[in-house]
Amino acid sequence: MCYYAGMSKNTVPYLSRKLAELLAARGWTAYRLAAESGVDASTIGRLLSGERAHSVTLRTVAALAAALKVSVEIFLEKSSGNQ
């Protein structure tokens, strides 16, 4: 399994926050993102809560990014000041 190489302890809340922002901007629910990405809705829910973000795989991040039509890099924390 290939874990997301960009993960740090600060990236976990950043990924969760960024995912929530992208969903809100599109007016999507976790269920809509699940349908569009093929990622289980419960996994998305855990990512949104930060519960599972530390163990997310690159494959999952890529599927979410593709469904949201953004690059994978958008989920990387840009700097330690981005909180």
N, C-alpha and C. Protein backbone atom coordinates (compact mmCIF):
# COMPACT_ATOMS: atom_id res chain seq x y z
N MET A 1 0.84 -1.18 0.00
CA MET A 1 0.00 0.00 0.00
C MET A 1 0.89 1.25 0.00
N CYS A 2 0.57 2.19 -0.83
CA CYS A 2 1.36 3.41 -0.93
C CYS A 2 0.68 4.52 -0.13
N TYR A 3 1.27 4.89 0.99
CA TYR A 3 0.69 5.96 1.78
C TYR A 3 1.10 7.31 1.23
N TYR A 4 0.28 8.29 1.48
CA TYR A 4 0.45 9.62 0.94
C TYR A 4 1.74 10.24 1.46
N ALA A 5 2.69 10.42 0.55
CA ALA A 5 4.03 10.87 0.92
C ALA A 5 4.06 12.27 1.50
N GLY A 6 3.06 13.09 1.21
CA GLY A 6 3.06 14.46 1.68
C GLY A 6 2.54 14.64 3.09
N MET A 7 2.24 13.56 3.76
CA MET A 7 1.64 13.65 5.09
C MET A 7 2.65 14.02 6.17
N SER A 8 2.28 14.97 6.95
CA SER A 8 3.00 15.31 8.17
C SER A 8 1.92 15.50 9.23
N LYS A 9 2.31 15.68 10.46
CA LYS A 9 1.28 15.85 11.50
C LYS A 9 0.46 17.12 11.26
N ASN A 10 1.03 18.11 10.59
CA ASN A 10 0.28 19.33 10.28
C ASN A 10 -0.59 19.18 9.04
N THR A 11 -0.28 18.22 8.18
CA THR A 11 -1.04 18.03 6.95
C THR A 11 -2.38 17.38 7.22
N VAL A 12 -2.50 16.59 8.27
CA VAL A 12 -3.75 15.90 8.58
C VAL A 12 -4.90 16.89 8.71
N PRO A 13 -4.82 17.89 9.59
CA PRO A 13 -5.95 18.84 9.66
C PRO A 13 -6.07 19.67 8.39
N TYR A 14 -4.96 19.92 7.71
CA TYR A 14 -5.00 20.70 6.47
C TYR A 14 -5.78 19.94 5.41
N LEU A 15 -5.52 18.64 5.24
CA LEU A 15 -6.24 17.83 4.26
C LEU A 15 -7.73 17.82 4.59
N SER A 16 -8.07 17.61 5.83
CA SER A 16 -9.47 17.59 6.25
C SER A 16 -10.15 18.92 5.96
N ARG A 17 -9.48 20.00 6.32
CA ARG A 17 -10.04 21.34 6.10
C ARG A 17 -10.18 21.64 4.62
N LYS A 18 -9.16 21.30 3.82
CA LYS A 18 -9.18 21.58 2.39
C LYS A 18 -10.29 20.78 1.71
N LEU A 19 -10.43 19.52 2.10
CA LEU A 19 -11.48 18.69 1.53
C LEU A 19 -12.86 19.27 1.85
N ALA A 20 -13.06 19.71 3.08
CA ALA A 20 -14.34 20.32 3.47
C ALA A 20 -14.60 21.60 2.68
N GLU A 21 -13.56 22.42 2.47
CA GLU A 21 -13.70 23.65 1.68
C GLU A 21 -14.11 23.35 0.25
N LEU A 22 -13.48 22.36 -0.35
CA LEU A 22 -13.79 22.00 -1.74
C LEU A 22 -15.21 21.47 -1.87
N LEU A 23 -15.64 20.67 -0.91
CA LEU A 23 -17.02 20.16 -0.93
C LEU A 23 -18.01 21.31 -0.79
N ALA A 24 -17.75 22.20 0.15
CA ALA A 24 -18.66 23.34 0.38
C ALA A 24 -18.73 24.24 -0.85
N ALA A 25 -17.60 24.49 -1.49
CA ALA A 25 -17.57 25.35 -2.67
C ALA A 25 -18.40 24.78 -3.82
N ARG A 26 -18.50 23.45 -3.86
CA ARG A 26 -19.27 22.79 -4.92
C ARG A 26 -20.69 22.46 -4.49
N GLY A 27 -20.97 22.63 -3.21
CA GLY A 27 -22.28 22.26 -2.70
C GLY A 27 -22.48 20.75 -2.66
N TRP A 28 -21.38 20.01 -2.54
CA TRP A 28 -21.42 18.55 -2.54
C TRP A 28 -21.45 18.03 -1.11
N THR A 29 -22.03 16.87 -0.96
CA THR A 29 -21.98 16.13 0.30
C THR A 29 -20.89 15.06 0.18
N ALA A 30 -20.58 14.43 1.30
CA ALA A 30 -19.64 13.31 1.27
C ALA A 30 -20.19 12.19 0.39
N TYR A 31 -21.50 12.02 0.38
CA TYR A 31 -22.11 10.98 -0.45
C TYR A 31 -21.95 11.28 -1.94
N ARG A 32 -22.08 12.54 -2.30
CA ARG A 32 -21.88 12.92 -3.71
C ARG A 32 -20.43 12.68 -4.11
N LEU A 33 -19.49 13.07 -3.25
CA LEU A 33 -18.08 12.85 -3.55
C LEU A 33 -17.79 11.35 -3.65
N ALA A 34 -18.42 10.56 -2.81
CA ALA A 34 -18.23 9.11 -2.87
C ALA A 34 -18.70 8.57 -4.22
N ALA A 35 -19.85 9.03 -4.66
CA ALA A 35 -20.38 8.57 -5.94
C ALA A 35 -19.48 8.99 -7.10
N GLU A 36 -18.95 10.19 -7.03
CA GLU A 36 -18.11 10.72 -8.11
C GLU A 36 -16.71 10.11 -8.11
N SER A 37 -16.20 9.76 -6.93
CA SER A 37 -14.80 9.32 -6.81
C SER A 37 -14.61 7.82 -6.70
N GLY A 38 -15.66 7.12 -6.27
CA GLY A 38 -15.52 5.70 -6.02
C GLY A 38 -14.93 5.38 -4.65
N VAL A 39 -14.71 6.40 -3.85
CA VAL A 39 -14.21 6.24 -2.48
C VAL A 39 -15.42 6.09 -1.56
N ASP A 40 -15.37 5.13 -0.67
CA ASP A 40 -16.49 4.88 0.24
C ASP A 40 -16.84 6.12 1.05
N ALA A 41 -18.14 6.39 1.20
CA ALA A 41 -18.60 7.57 1.93
C ALA A 41 -18.12 7.57 3.38
N SER A 42 -18.02 6.39 4.00
CA SER A 42 -17.54 6.36 5.39
C SER A 42 -16.06 6.75 5.46
N THR A 43 -15.29 6.39 4.44
CA THR A 43 -13.88 6.81 4.40
C THR A 43 -13.79 8.32 4.26
N ILE A 44 -14.61 8.88 3.41
CA ILE A 44 -14.63 10.34 3.24
C ILE A 44 -15.04 11.02 4.53
N GLY A 45 -16.03 10.47 5.21
CA GLY A 45 -16.45 11.02 6.50
C GLY A 45 -15.32 11.01 7.52
N ARG A 46 -14.57 9.91 7.55
CA ARG A 46 -13.43 9.83 8.48
C ARG A 46 -12.33 10.80 8.08
N LEU A 47 -12.13 10.99 6.78
CA LEU A 47 -11.13 11.98 6.34
C LEU A 47 -11.56 13.38 6.75
N LEU A 48 -12.83 13.69 6.57
CA LEU A 48 -13.33 15.02 6.93
C LEU A 48 -13.19 15.29 8.43
N SER A 49 -13.33 14.25 9.23
CA SER A 49 -13.21 14.44 10.68
C SER A 49 -11.76 14.40 11.14
N GLY A 50 -10.86 14.04 10.22
CA GLY A 50 -9.45 13.94 10.58
C GLY A 50 -9.09 12.59 11.16
N GLU A 51 -10.09 11.73 11.31
CA GLU A 51 -9.88 10.44 11.96
C GLU A 51 -8.97 9.52 11.14
N ARG A 52 -9.07 9.60 9.83
CA ARG A 52 -8.31 8.66 9.01
C ARG A 52 -7.29 9.35 8.11
N ALA A 53 -7.21 10.64 8.16
CA ALA A 53 -6.35 11.37 7.22
C ALA A 53 -4.89 10.96 7.33
N HIS A 54 -4.44 10.51 8.50
CA HIS A 54 -3.04 10.13 8.67
C HIS A 54 -2.67 8.89 7.89
N SER A 55 -3.65 8.06 7.52
CA SER A 55 -3.34 6.81 6.82
C SER A 55 -3.92 6.76 5.41
N VAL A 56 -4.28 7.90 4.88
CA VAL A 56 -4.87 7.92 3.54
C VAL A 56 -3.82 7.52 2.49
N THR A 57 -4.26 6.76 1.50
CA THR A 57 -3.34 6.34 0.45
C THR A 57 -3.33 7.36 -0.68
N LEU A 58 -2.27 7.33 -1.43
CA LEU A 58 -2.17 8.21 -2.59
C LEU A 58 -3.29 7.90 -3.58
N ARG A 59 -3.65 6.65 -3.70
CA ARG A 59 -4.75 6.26 -4.60
C ARG A 59 -6.05 6.95 -4.19
N THR A 60 -6.33 7.00 -2.90
CA THR A 60 -7.55 7.66 -2.41
C THR A 60 -7.50 9.16 -2.67
N VAL A 61 -6.37 9.78 -2.36
CA VAL A 61 -6.23 11.22 -2.59
C VAL A 61 -6.38 11.53 -4.08
N ALA A 62 -5.79 10.70 -4.94
CA ALA A 62 -5.88 10.91 -6.38
C ALA A 62 -7.32 10.77 -6.87
N ALA A 63 -8.06 9.81 -6.33
CA ALA A 63 -9.46 9.63 -6.72
C ALA A 63 -10.31 10.82 -6.29
N LEU A 64 -10.06 11.33 -5.08
CA LEU A 64 -10.79 12.50 -4.60
C LEU A 64 -10.46 13.73 -5.45
N ALA A 65 -9.18 13.91 -5.73
CA ALA A 65 -8.74 15.05 -6.54
C ALA A 65 -9.36 14.99 -7.93
N ALA A 66 -9.35 13.82 -8.54
CA ALA A 66 -9.92 13.67 -9.89
C ALA A 66 -11.41 14.01 -9.89
N ALA A 67 -12.14 13.51 -8.90
CA ALA A 67 -13.57 13.78 -8.82
C ALA A 67 -13.85 15.26 -8.63
N LEU A 68 -12.99 15.92 -7.86
CA LEU A 68 -13.16 17.35 -7.58
C LEU A 68 -12.53 18.23 -8.66
N LYS A 69 -11.85 17.58 -9.62
CA LYS A 69 -11.18 18.28 -10.72
C LYS A 69 -10.13 19.28 -10.23
N VAL A 70 -9.32 18.80 -9.28
CA VAL A 70 -8.20 19.58 -8.76
C VAL A 70 -6.96 18.68 -8.78
N SER A 71 -5.80 19.27 -8.62
CA SER A 71 -4.58 18.47 -8.57
C SER A 71 -4.39 17.88 -7.17
N VAL A 72 -3.67 16.79 -7.10
CA VAL A 72 -3.37 16.15 -5.83
C VAL A 72 -2.63 17.13 -4.91
N GLU A 73 -1.80 17.97 -5.50
CA GLU A 73 -0.99 18.90 -4.72
C GLU A 73 -1.82 19.86 -3.88
N ILE A 74 -3.07 20.07 -4.24
CA ILE A 74 -3.91 21.00 -3.46
C ILE A 74 -4.10 20.50 -2.02
N PHE A 75 -3.92 19.19 -1.82
CA PHE A 75 -4.07 18.62 -0.48
C PHE A 75 -2.80 18.68 0.33
N LEU A 76 -1.71 19.13 -0.27
CA LEU A 76 -0.46 19.29 0.46
C LEU A 76 -0.46 20.63 1.18
N GLU A 77 0.01 20.62 2.37
CA GLU A 77 0.14 21.87 3.12
C GLU A 77 1.23 22.70 2.48
N LYS A 78 0.93 23.93 2.13
CA LYS A 78 1.88 24.79 1.44
C LYS A 78 3.03 25.25 2.32
N SER A 79 2.71 25.58 3.55
CA SER A 79 3.74 26.01 4.50
C SER A 79 3.19 25.85 5.90
N SER A 80 4.03 25.95 6.88
CA SER A 80 3.56 25.80 8.27
C SER A 80 2.66 26.96 8.68
N GLY A 81 2.67 28.06 7.93
CA GLY A 81 1.81 29.20 8.23
C GLY A 81 0.41 29.05 7.68
N ASN A 82 0.14 27.99 6.93
CA ASN A 82 -1.18 27.77 6.32
C ASN A 82 -2.07 26.98 7.26
N GLN A 83 -2.60 27.60 8.28
CA GLN A 83 -3.46 26.87 9.21
C GLN A 83 -4.72 27.57 9.48
